Amino acid sequence: MAKISKPVYALLFLISLAGMVLFLMFKPEWFWVMMPFVGTTLVKALDII
């Protein structure tokens, strides 16, 4: 399995964070759908796990 670098995870975090903000603006009842993506990519970008 190929190892994805930290900058790629940081970029994915920013994209998923932007998606969550857009959900909060336009469909606030669905923003929680993006939370696992934001959390996972943040943890991987910070190399916590």
Protein backbone atom coordinates (compact mmCIF):
# COMPACT_ATOMS: atom_id res chain seq x y z
CA MET A 1 0.00 0.00 0.00
CA ALA A 2 1.36 3.40 -0.99
CA LYS A 3 2.03 5.87 1.80
CA ILE A 4 0.34 9.20 1.29
CA SER A 5 2.44 12.18 2.36
CA LYS A 6 1.44 14.70 5.01
CA PRO A 7 0.95 17.59 2.55
CA VAL A 8 -1.58 15.51 0.62
CA TYR A 9 -3.51 14.87 3.82
CA ALA A 10 -3.30 18.58 4.66
CA LEU A 11 -4.78 19.42 1.26
CA LEU A 12 -7.52 16.83 1.73
CA PHE A 13 -8.23 18.33 5.15
CA LEU A 14 -8.63 21.81 3.67
CA ILE A 15 -10.93 20.50 0.94
CA SER A 16 -13.09 18.59 3.41
CA LEU A 17 -13.15 21.59 5.77
CA ALA A 18 -14.34 23.80 2.90
CA GLY A 19 -17.00 21.20 2.14
CA MET A 20 -18.13 21.21 5.74
CA VAL A 21 -18.35 25.01 5.77
CA LEU A 22 -20.40 24.90 2.57
CA PHE A 23 -22.71 22.34 4.13
CA LEU A 24 -23.07 24.61 7.19
CA MET A 25 -23.99 27.53 4.94
CA PHE A 26 -26.43 25.80 2.61
CA LYS A 27 -27.57 22.55 4.29
CA PRO A 28 -26.84 22.90 8.03
CA GLU A 29 -28.73 19.73 8.91
CA TRP A 30 -26.21 17.71 6.83
CA PHE A 31 -22.90 19.23 7.98
CA TRP A 32 -22.22 16.23 10.24
CA VAL A 33 -21.79 14.08 7.11
CA MET A 34 -18.44 15.82 6.51
CA MET A 35 -17.22 15.50 10.10
CA PRO A 36 -15.57 12.05 9.72
CA PHE A 37 -13.62 13.25 6.68
CA VAL A 38 -12.46 16.42 8.44
CA GLY A 39 -11.46 14.52 11.57
CA THR A 40 -9.68 11.70 9.77
CA THR A 41 -7.69 13.91 7.43
CA LEU A 42 -6.73 16.25 10.30
CA VAL A 43 -5.42 13.35 12.37
CA LYS A 44 -3.50 11.95 9.39
CA ALA A 45 -2.10 15.38 8.45
CA LEU A 46 -0.83 15.88 12.01
CA ASP A 47 0.54 12.31 11.98
CA ILE A 48 -1.19 11.40 15.22
CA ILE A 49 -1.89 7.84 14.10
